[in-house]
Amino acid sequence: MSQSVATQDTQASLTGLLVPLADRTLLLPNVAVAELIAYRAPQAVEGMPTWFLGQVPWRDLRLPLLSFEAAAGGQVETGARARVAVLNAIGGRDHVKFIALLVQGIPRSIKIDAELARADVPLEPLELDAVNLGDVQARIPDLVALEQKLADAGLI
């Protein structure tokens, strides 16, 4: 029985996801997204911020669904291509494992090397940075701050 030896790539790379929103594209690490599901109308909750769209069922859970655009000061848009990205929670709260994000289309996988070209653009709230990836300008979201926004509003 022969054994094969895998060659290691000398340049570090990660797999990212380009996540389309109504007014921008987010760049997330592949491992941040647990699943992409069809859009389903959320169970609305009275008196909540406009960026909180309600609760959506996923597996045996009810997840808070939010609009990144509205949380960053823009408008909520639910288009014909709307989907829900279930994100792995990274804020360190034992009782919160996932949150749901309204997206506009299907995320696209992309290989990212260590040398990202920064985009010289003003950042919006909840954005850590912006990068140019070929013909796409992508925003890197602050997912911890997004979770904190949910926590501050008493939603998680």
N, C-alpha and C. Protein backbone atom coordinates (compact mmCIF):
# COMPACT_ATOMS: atom_id res chain seq x y z
N MET A 1 0.84 -1.17 0.00
CA MET A 1 0.00 0.00 0.00
C MET A 1 0.89 1.24 0.00
N SER A 2 0.69 2.09 -0.95
CA SER A 2 1.51 3.29 -1.02
C SER A 2 0.83 4.45 -0.30
N GLN A 3 1.63 5.30 0.25
CA GLN A 3 1.09 6.47 0.92
C GLN A 3 1.39 7.71 0.09
N SER A 4 0.42 8.59 0.03
CA SER A 4 0.66 9.83 -0.69
C SER A 4 1.04 10.91 0.30
N VAL A 5 1.90 11.78 -0.14
CA VAL A 5 2.34 12.89 0.70
C VAL A 5 1.69 14.16 0.17
N ALA A 6 0.95 14.84 1.03
CA ALA A 6 0.31 16.09 0.63
C ALA A 6 1.33 17.21 0.67
N THR A 7 1.34 18.00 -0.38
CA THR A 7 2.22 19.17 -0.37
C THR A 7 1.51 20.32 0.29
N GLN A 8 2.24 21.08 1.04
CA GLN A 8 1.64 22.22 1.72
C GLN A 8 1.84 23.47 0.90
N ASP A 9 0.79 24.27 0.83
CA ASP A 9 0.85 25.54 0.14
C ASP A 9 1.70 26.48 0.97
N THR A 10 2.67 27.12 0.34
CA THR A 10 3.56 28.00 1.10
C THR A 10 2.92 29.33 1.42
N GLN A 11 1.84 29.66 0.75
CA GLN A 11 1.15 30.92 1.04
C GLN A 11 -0.15 30.62 1.79
N ALA A 12 -0.30 31.23 2.95
CA ALA A 12 -1.50 30.99 3.75
C ALA A 12 -2.72 31.57 3.06
N SER A 13 -3.82 30.82 3.07
CA SER A 13 -5.06 31.34 2.51
C SER A 13 -6.22 30.83 3.35
N LEU A 14 -7.30 31.57 3.30
CA LEU A 14 -8.53 31.22 4.01
C LEU A 14 -9.66 31.17 2.99
N THR A 15 -10.72 30.49 3.36
CA THR A 15 -11.91 30.52 2.54
C THR A 15 -12.88 31.49 3.18
N GLY A 16 -13.33 32.44 2.40
CA GLY A 16 -14.29 33.42 2.87
C GLY A 16 -15.58 33.31 2.09
N LEU A 17 -16.58 34.01 2.57
CA LEU A 17 -17.86 34.08 1.88
C LEU A 17 -18.18 35.54 1.60
N LEU A 18 -18.51 35.82 0.35
CA LEU A 18 -19.02 37.14 -0.01
C LEU A 18 -20.53 37.06 0.14
N VAL A 19 -21.05 37.82 1.10
CA VAL A 19 -22.46 37.76 1.46
C VAL A 19 -23.16 39.02 0.93
N PRO A 20 -24.06 38.86 -0.05
CA PRO A 20 -24.72 40.04 -0.62
C PRO A 20 -25.83 40.57 0.28
N LEU A 21 -25.78 41.87 0.53
CA LEU A 21 -26.85 42.56 1.24
C LEU A 21 -27.50 43.50 0.23
N ALA A 22 -28.47 44.27 0.67
CA ALA A 22 -29.16 45.19 -0.24
C ALA A 22 -28.24 46.31 -0.71
N ASP A 23 -27.38 46.81 0.18
CA ASP A 23 -26.57 47.97 -0.18
C ASP A 23 -25.06 47.77 -0.07
N ARG A 24 -24.63 46.57 0.21
CA ARG A 24 -23.20 46.29 0.33
C ARG A 24 -22.97 44.78 0.31
N THR A 25 -21.72 44.39 0.23
CA THR A 25 -21.34 42.98 0.31
C THR A 25 -20.46 42.81 1.53
N LEU A 26 -20.78 41.81 2.34
CA LEU A 26 -19.96 41.52 3.51
C LEU A 26 -18.99 40.40 3.18
N LEU A 27 -17.83 40.43 3.81
CA LEU A 27 -16.86 39.35 3.72
C LEU A 27 -16.82 38.68 5.09
N LEU A 28 -17.17 37.41 5.14
CA LEU A 28 -17.16 36.64 6.38
C LEU A 28 -16.26 35.44 6.22
N PRO A 29 -15.63 35.00 7.31
CA PRO A 29 -14.93 33.72 7.23
C PRO A 29 -15.96 32.61 6.98
N ASN A 30 -15.58 31.63 6.20
CA ASN A 30 -16.47 30.53 5.87
C ASN A 30 -17.08 29.90 7.12
N VAL A 31 -16.30 29.78 8.19
CA VAL A 31 -16.76 29.12 9.41
C VAL A 31 -17.77 29.95 10.19
N ALA A 32 -17.97 31.22 9.82
CA ALA A 32 -18.94 32.06 10.53
C ALA A 32 -20.38 31.68 10.19
N VAL A 33 -20.58 31.10 9.01
CA VAL A 33 -21.93 30.78 8.55
C VAL A 33 -22.22 29.31 8.79
N ALA A 34 -23.23 29.05 9.61
CA ALA A 34 -23.62 27.67 9.91
C ALA A 34 -24.48 27.09 8.80
N GLU A 35 -25.37 27.91 8.24
CA GLU A 35 -26.28 27.42 7.21
C GLU A 35 -26.96 28.61 6.53
N LEU A 36 -27.33 28.42 5.28
CA LEU A 36 -28.13 29.39 4.54
C LEU A 36 -29.50 28.75 4.34
N ILE A 37 -30.55 29.48 4.75
CA ILE A 37 -31.90 28.92 4.64
C ILE A 37 -32.78 29.88 3.84
N ALA A 38 -33.89 29.35 3.35
CA ALA A 38 -34.85 30.18 2.62
C ALA A 38 -35.41 31.23 3.57
N TYR A 39 -35.73 32.39 2.99
CA TYR A 39 -36.34 33.44 3.80
C TYR A 39 -37.70 32.97 4.27
N ARG A 40 -37.97 33.22 5.51
CA ARG A 40 -39.29 32.98 6.09
C ARG A 40 -39.66 34.20 6.91
N ALA A 41 -40.90 34.60 6.80
CA ALA A 41 -41.34 35.79 7.52
C ALA A 41 -41.12 35.59 9.02
N PRO A 42 -40.41 36.50 9.65
CA PRO A 42 -40.15 36.35 11.09
C PRO A 42 -41.39 36.66 11.92
N GLN A 43 -41.41 36.07 13.11
CA GLN A 43 -42.46 36.40 14.08
C GLN A 43 -42.08 37.74 14.68
N ALA A 44 -42.83 38.76 14.33
CA ALA A 44 -42.51 40.13 14.76
C ALA A 44 -42.77 40.30 16.26
N VAL A 45 -42.03 41.24 16.84
CA VAL A 45 -42.17 41.57 18.25
C VAL A 45 -42.40 43.08 18.32
N GLU A 46 -43.47 43.49 18.98
CA GLU A 46 -43.82 44.92 19.08
C GLU A 46 -42.77 45.69 19.87
N GLY A 47 -42.57 46.95 19.46
CA GLY A 47 -41.73 47.86 20.22
C GLY A 47 -40.23 47.62 20.12
N MET A 48 -39.79 46.87 19.13
CA MET A 48 -38.37 46.57 18.99
C MET A 48 -37.73 47.52 17.97
N PRO A 49 -36.41 47.62 17.99
CA PRO A 49 -35.72 48.47 17.01
C PRO A 49 -36.01 47.98 15.58
N THR A 50 -35.93 48.88 14.61
CA THR A 50 -36.25 48.52 13.23
C THR A 50 -35.30 47.47 12.66
N TRP A 51 -34.07 47.41 13.15
CA TRP A 51 -33.11 46.43 12.64
C TRP A 51 -33.41 45.01 13.12
N PHE A 52 -34.21 44.89 14.18
CA PHE A 52 -34.60 43.56 14.67
C PHE A 52 -35.89 43.18 13.96
N LEU A 53 -35.81 42.16 13.12
CA LEU A 53 -36.95 41.79 12.28
C LEU A 53 -37.89 40.80 12.95
N GLY A 54 -37.46 40.18 14.03
CA GLY A 54 -38.27 39.20 14.74
C GLY A 54 -37.51 37.90 14.95
N GLN A 55 -38.25 36.86 15.25
CA GLN A 55 -37.67 35.54 15.50
C GLN A 55 -37.98 34.63 14.31
N VAL A 56 -37.00 33.82 13.90
CA VAL A 56 -37.23 32.83 12.86
C VAL A 56 -36.92 31.44 13.39
N PRO A 57 -37.73 30.46 12.99
CA PRO A 57 -37.44 29.09 13.42
C PRO A 57 -36.28 28.51 12.61
N TRP A 58 -35.43 27.77 13.29
CA TRP A 58 -34.33 27.05 12.63
C TRP A 58 -34.03 25.83 13.48
N ARG A 59 -34.18 24.68 12.86
CA ARG A 59 -34.04 23.41 13.57
C ARG A 59 -35.00 23.44 14.76
N ASP A 60 -34.54 23.26 15.96
CA ASP A 60 -35.44 23.31 17.12
C ASP A 60 -35.29 24.61 17.90
N LEU A 61 -34.77 25.65 17.24
CA LEU A 61 -34.50 26.91 17.91
C LEU A 61 -35.32 28.04 17.29
N ARG A 62 -35.40 29.15 18.01
CA ARG A 62 -35.94 30.40 17.48
C ARG A 62 -34.79 31.40 17.55
N LEU A 63 -34.40 31.92 16.40
CA LEU A 63 -33.25 32.80 16.32
C LEU A 63 -33.66 34.24 16.07
N PRO A 64 -32.93 35.19 16.67
CA PRO A 64 -33.19 36.59 16.35
C PRO A 64 -32.71 36.88 14.93
N LEU A 65 -33.61 37.45 14.11
CA LEU A 65 -33.27 37.82 12.74
C LEU A 65 -33.07 39.32 12.68
N LEU A 66 -31.94 39.73 12.12
CA LEU A 66 -31.69 41.15 12.04
C LEU A 66 -31.23 41.57 10.66
N SER A 67 -31.40 42.85 10.41
CA SER A 67 -30.94 43.47 9.18
C SER A 67 -29.64 44.20 9.49
N PHE A 68 -28.54 43.78 8.86
CA PHE A 68 -27.26 44.44 9.08
C PHE A 68 -27.34 45.89 8.60
N GLU A 69 -27.98 46.10 7.44
CA GLU A 69 -28.07 47.45 6.90
C GLU A 69 -28.75 48.40 7.89
N ALA A 70 -29.87 47.97 8.46
CA ALA A 70 -30.60 48.82 9.41
C ALA A 70 -29.82 48.98 10.71
N ALA A 71 -29.14 47.94 11.16
CA ALA A 71 -28.34 48.03 12.39
C ALA A 71 -27.18 49.00 12.21
N ALA A 72 -26.72 49.16 10.97
CA ALA A 72 -25.63 50.08 10.67
C ALA A 72 -26.13 51.46 10.27
N GLY A 73 -27.44 51.71 10.44
CA GLY A 73 -27.98 53.03 10.19
C GLY A 73 -28.72 53.19 8.87
N GLY A 74 -28.86 52.10 8.11
CA GLY A 74 -29.56 52.17 6.82
C GLY A 74 -31.00 51.71 6.93
N GLN A 75 -31.52 51.21 5.83
CA GLN A 75 -32.92 50.78 5.74
C GLN A 75 -33.01 49.27 5.64
N VAL A 76 -34.12 48.72 6.13
CA VAL A 76 -34.41 47.30 5.98
C VAL A 76 -34.96 47.08 4.58
N GLU A 77 -34.39 46.11 3.87
CA GLU A 77 -34.89 45.76 2.55
C GLU A 77 -35.03 44.26 2.46
N THR A 78 -36.23 43.80 2.08
CA THR A 78 -36.47 42.39 1.88
C THR A 78 -36.87 42.21 0.42
N GLY A 79 -35.91 41.81 -0.40
CA GLY A 79 -36.15 41.66 -1.82
C GLY A 79 -36.56 40.25 -2.19
N ALA A 80 -36.76 40.04 -3.48
CA ALA A 80 -37.18 38.74 -3.99
C ALA A 80 -36.12 37.67 -3.79
N ARG A 81 -34.86 38.08 -3.65
CA ARG A 81 -33.76 37.12 -3.47
C ARG A 81 -33.38 36.94 -2.00
N ALA A 82 -34.23 37.40 -1.10
CA ALA A 82 -33.92 37.35 0.34
C ALA A 82 -33.72 35.91 0.82
N ARG A 83 -32.72 35.75 1.65
CA ARG A 83 -32.40 34.50 2.32
C ARG A 83 -32.05 34.83 3.77
N VAL A 84 -31.84 33.80 4.55
CA VAL A 84 -31.41 33.98 5.94
C VAL A 84 -30.11 33.22 6.13
N ALA A 85 -29.08 33.93 6.56
CA ALA A 85 -27.81 33.28 6.90
C ALA A 85 -27.81 33.06 8.41
N VAL A 86 -27.66 31.82 8.80
CA VAL A 86 -27.54 31.48 10.22
C VAL A 86 -26.05 31.57 10.56
N LEU A 87 -25.72 32.49 11.46
CA LEU A 87 -24.33 32.73 11.84
C LEU A 87 -24.02 32.07 13.17
N ASN A 88 -22.83 31.52 13.27
CA ASN A 88 -22.35 31.01 14.55
C ASN A 88 -22.05 32.21 15.45
N ALA A 89 -22.61 32.21 16.64
CA ALA A 89 -22.36 33.31 17.58
C ALA A 89 -20.93 33.21 18.10
N ILE A 90 -20.27 34.36 18.20
CA ILE A 90 -18.88 34.37 18.66
C ILE A 90 -18.66 35.30 19.84
N GLY A 91 -19.77 35.79 20.41
CA GLY A 91 -19.67 36.78 21.48
C GLY A 91 -19.38 36.21 22.86
N GLY A 92 -19.28 34.89 22.99
CA GLY A 92 -18.92 34.30 24.26
C GLY A 92 -20.07 34.13 25.24
N ARG A 93 -21.30 34.22 24.77
CA ARG A 93 -22.46 34.01 25.64
C ARG A 93 -22.88 32.55 25.53
N ASP A 94 -22.84 31.83 26.65
CA ASP A 94 -23.14 30.40 26.62
C ASP A 94 -24.53 30.08 26.10
N HIS A 95 -25.50 30.96 26.34
CA HIS A 95 -26.88 30.71 25.94
C HIS A 95 -27.18 31.12 24.50
N VAL A 96 -26.22 31.74 23.81
CA VAL A 96 -26.43 32.18 22.43
C VAL A 96 -25.43 31.45 21.53
N LYS A 97 -25.94 30.56 20.71
CA LYS A 97 -25.08 29.80 19.81
C LYS A 97 -25.17 30.29 18.37
N PHE A 98 -26.34 30.88 18.01
CA PHE A 98 -26.56 31.30 16.62
C PHE A 98 -27.39 32.58 16.60
N ILE A 99 -27.18 33.37 15.55
CA ILE A 99 -28.06 34.49 15.24
C ILE A 99 -28.35 34.41 13.74
N ALA A 100 -29.41 35.09 13.29
CA ALA A 100 -29.80 35.03 11.90
C ALA A 100 -29.67 36.42 11.27
N LEU A 101 -29.18 36.45 10.03
CA LEU A 101 -28.94 37.69 9.32
C LEU A 101 -29.67 37.65 7.98
N LEU A 102 -30.43 38.70 7.69
CA LEU A 102 -31.12 38.81 6.42
C LEU A 102 -30.09 39.12 5.34
N VAL A 103 -30.06 38.32 4.28
CA VAL A 103 -29.15 38.54 3.16
C VAL A 103 -29.96 38.58 1.87
N GLN A 104 -29.35 39.08 0.82
CA GLN A 104 -30.05 39.25 -0.46
C GLN A 104 -29.37 38.40 -1.54
N GLY A 105 -29.57 37.12 -1.49
CA GLY A 105 -28.97 36.23 -2.48
C GLY A 105 -28.15 35.15 -1.81
N ILE A 106 -27.41 34.45 -2.62
CA ILE A 106 -26.63 33.32 -2.14
C ILE A 106 -25.17 33.74 -1.98
N PRO A 107 -24.60 33.53 -0.80
CA PRO A 107 -23.19 33.87 -0.60
C PRO A 107 -22.30 33.08 -1.57
N ARG A 108 -21.18 33.69 -1.92
CA ARG A 108 -20.24 33.08 -2.86
C ARG A 108 -18.91 32.84 -2.15
N SER A 109 -18.40 31.64 -2.29
CA SER A 109 -17.13 31.26 -1.69
C SER A 109 -15.97 31.90 -2.45
N ILE A 110 -14.95 32.33 -1.70
CA ILE A 110 -13.79 32.96 -2.31
C ILE A 110 -12.55 32.61 -1.49
N LYS A 111 -11.45 32.34 -2.18
CA LYS A 111 -10.17 32.10 -1.50
C LYS A 111 -9.53 33.46 -1.24
N ILE A 112 -9.05 33.64 -0.03
CA ILE A 112 -8.46 34.91 0.38
C ILE A 112 -7.03 34.63 0.83
N ASP A 113 -6.09 35.36 0.27
CA ASP A 113 -4.71 35.19 0.73
C ASP A 113 -4.41 36.20 1.83
N ALA A 114 -3.24 36.14 2.35
CA ALA A 114 -2.86 36.99 3.48
C ALA A 114 -2.75 38.46 3.10
N GLU A 115 -2.63 38.76 1.83
CA GLU A 115 -2.45 40.13 1.37
C GLU A 115 -3.76 40.69 0.81
N LEU A 116 -4.62 41.16 1.66
CA LEU A 116 -5.86 41.78 1.20
C LEU A 116 -5.60 43.25 0.85
N ALA A 117 -6.20 43.69 -0.22
CA ALA A 117 -6.07 45.09 -0.63
C ALA A 117 -7.15 45.91 0.08
N ARG A 118 -6.75 46.76 1.01
CA ARG A 118 -7.71 47.60 1.73
C ARG A 118 -8.34 48.60 0.79
N ALA A 119 -9.63 48.83 1.01
CA ALA A 119 -10.36 49.84 0.24
C ALA A 119 -10.35 51.13 1.05
N ASP A 120 -10.02 52.21 0.39
CA ASP A 120 -9.96 53.51 1.06
C ASP A 120 -11.33 54.17 0.97
N VAL A 121 -12.23 53.70 1.84
CA VAL A 121 -13.60 54.22 1.87
C VAL A 121 -13.99 54.46 3.33
N PRO A 122 -14.91 55.38 3.57
CA PRO A 122 -15.38 55.58 4.94
C PRO A 122 -16.14 54.33 5.41
N LEU A 123 -15.90 53.95 6.64
CA LEU A 123 -16.58 52.79 7.21
C LEU A 123 -17.89 53.21 7.87
N GLU A 124 -18.87 52.36 7.75
CA GLU A 124 -20.16 52.56 8.39
C GLU A 124 -20.12 51.92 9.78
N PRO A 125 -21.10 52.23 10.64
CA PRO A 125 -21.16 51.55 11.94
C PRO A 125 -21.20 50.03 11.74
N LEU A 126 -20.61 49.31 12.62
CA LEU A 126 -20.54 47.84 12.64
C LEU A 126 -19.61 47.27 11.56
N GLU A 127 -18.78 48.10 10.93
CA GLU A 127 -17.81 47.62 9.96
C GLU A 127 -16.40 47.81 10.52
N LEU A 128 -15.61 46.75 10.44
CA LEU A 128 -14.23 46.81 10.92
C LEU A 128 -13.28 47.32 9.85
N ASP A 129 -13.57 46.95 8.59
CA ASP A 129 -12.70 47.35 7.50
C ASP A 129 -13.42 47.12 6.18
N ALA A 130 -12.80 47.56 5.10
CA ALA A 130 -13.30 47.32 3.75
C ALA A 130 -12.12 46.89 2.90
N VAL A 131 -12.36 45.93 2.00
CA VAL A 131 -11.30 45.40 1.15
C VAL A 131 -11.78 45.32 -0.29
N ASN A 132 -10.81 45.35 -1.20
CA ASN A 132 -11.10 45.14 -2.62
C ASN A 132 -10.69 43.71 -2.97
N LEU A 133 -11.63 42.97 -3.53
CA LEU A 133 -11.38 41.60 -3.96
C LEU A 133 -11.73 41.51 -5.44
N GLY A 134 -10.77 41.84 -6.26
CA GLY A 134 -11.03 41.88 -7.70
C GLY A 134 -12.01 42.99 -8.00
N ASP A 135 -13.16 42.64 -8.57
CA ASP A 135 -14.16 43.64 -8.94
C ASP A 135 -15.18 43.90 -7.83
N VAL A 136 -14.96 43.31 -6.66
CA VAL A 136 -15.91 43.44 -5.54
C VAL A 136 -15.26 44.19 -4.39
N GLN A 137 -15.98 45.17 -3.87
CA GLN A 137 -15.56 45.82 -2.63
C GLN A 137 -16.39 45.17 -1.52
N ALA A 138 -15.74 44.63 -0.52
CA ALA A 138 -16.44 43.93 0.55
C ALA A 138 -16.15 44.60 1.89
N ARG A 139 -17.16 44.58 2.74
CA ARG A 139 -17.03 45.14 4.09
C ARG A 139 -16.86 43.99 5.08
N ILE A 140 -15.99 44.19 6.04
CA ILE A 140 -15.78 43.18 7.08
C ILE A 140 -16.58 43.62 8.30
N PRO A 141 -17.62 42.84 8.64
CA PRO A 141 -18.49 43.26 9.74
C PRO A 141 -17.89 42.94 11.10
N ASP A 142 -18.30 43.72 12.09
CA ASP A 142 -17.92 43.47 13.48
C ASP A 142 -19.02 42.60 14.09
N LEU A 143 -18.86 41.29 13.99
CA LEU A 143 -19.90 40.36 14.45
C LEU A 143 -20.06 40.38 15.97
N VAL A 144 -18.98 40.63 16.69
CA VAL A 144 -19.09 40.73 18.16
C VAL A 144 -19.93 41.95 18.53
N ALA A 145 -19.71 43.07 17.86
CA ALA A 145 -20.51 44.28 18.13
C ALA A 145 -21.97 44.08 17.73
N LEU A 146 -22.20 43.31 16.68
CA LEU A 146 -23.56 43.01 16.25
C LEU A 146 -24.29 42.21 17.33
N GLU A 147 -23.61 41.21 17.87
CA GLU A 147 -24.20 40.44 18.98
C GLU A 147 -24.42 41.32 20.20
N GLN A 148 -23.47 42.22 20.47
CA GLN A 148 -23.62 43.12 21.61
C GLN A 148 -24.83 44.02 21.43
N LYS A 149 -25.08 44.45 20.20
CA LYS A 149 -26.25 45.28 19.91
C LYS A 149 -27.53 44.51 20.25
N LEU A 150 -27.57 43.23 19.92
CA LEU A 150 -28.72 42.38 20.29
C LEU A 150 -28.84 42.28 21.81
N ALA A 151 -27.71 42.09 22.47
CA ALA A 151 -27.72 41.96 23.93
C ALA A 151 -28.16 43.27 24.60
N ASP A 152 -27.65 44.40 24.10
CA ASP A 152 -28.01 45.70 24.67
C ASP A 152 -29.49 45.98 24.54
N ALA A 153 -30.12 45.45 23.49
CA ALA A 153 -31.56 45.64 23.28
C ALA A 153 -32.39 44.59 24.02
N GLY A 154 -31.70 43.69 24.75
CA GLY A 154 -32.41 42.66 25.51
C GLY A 154 -32.96 41.54 24.66
N LEU A 155 -32.39 41.34 23.48
CA LEU A 155 -32.91 40.36 22.53
C LEU A 155 -32.23 39.01 22.61
N ILE A 156 -31.10 38.95 23.28
CA ILE A 156 -30.42 37.66 23.49
C ILE A 156 -29.94 37.59 24.92
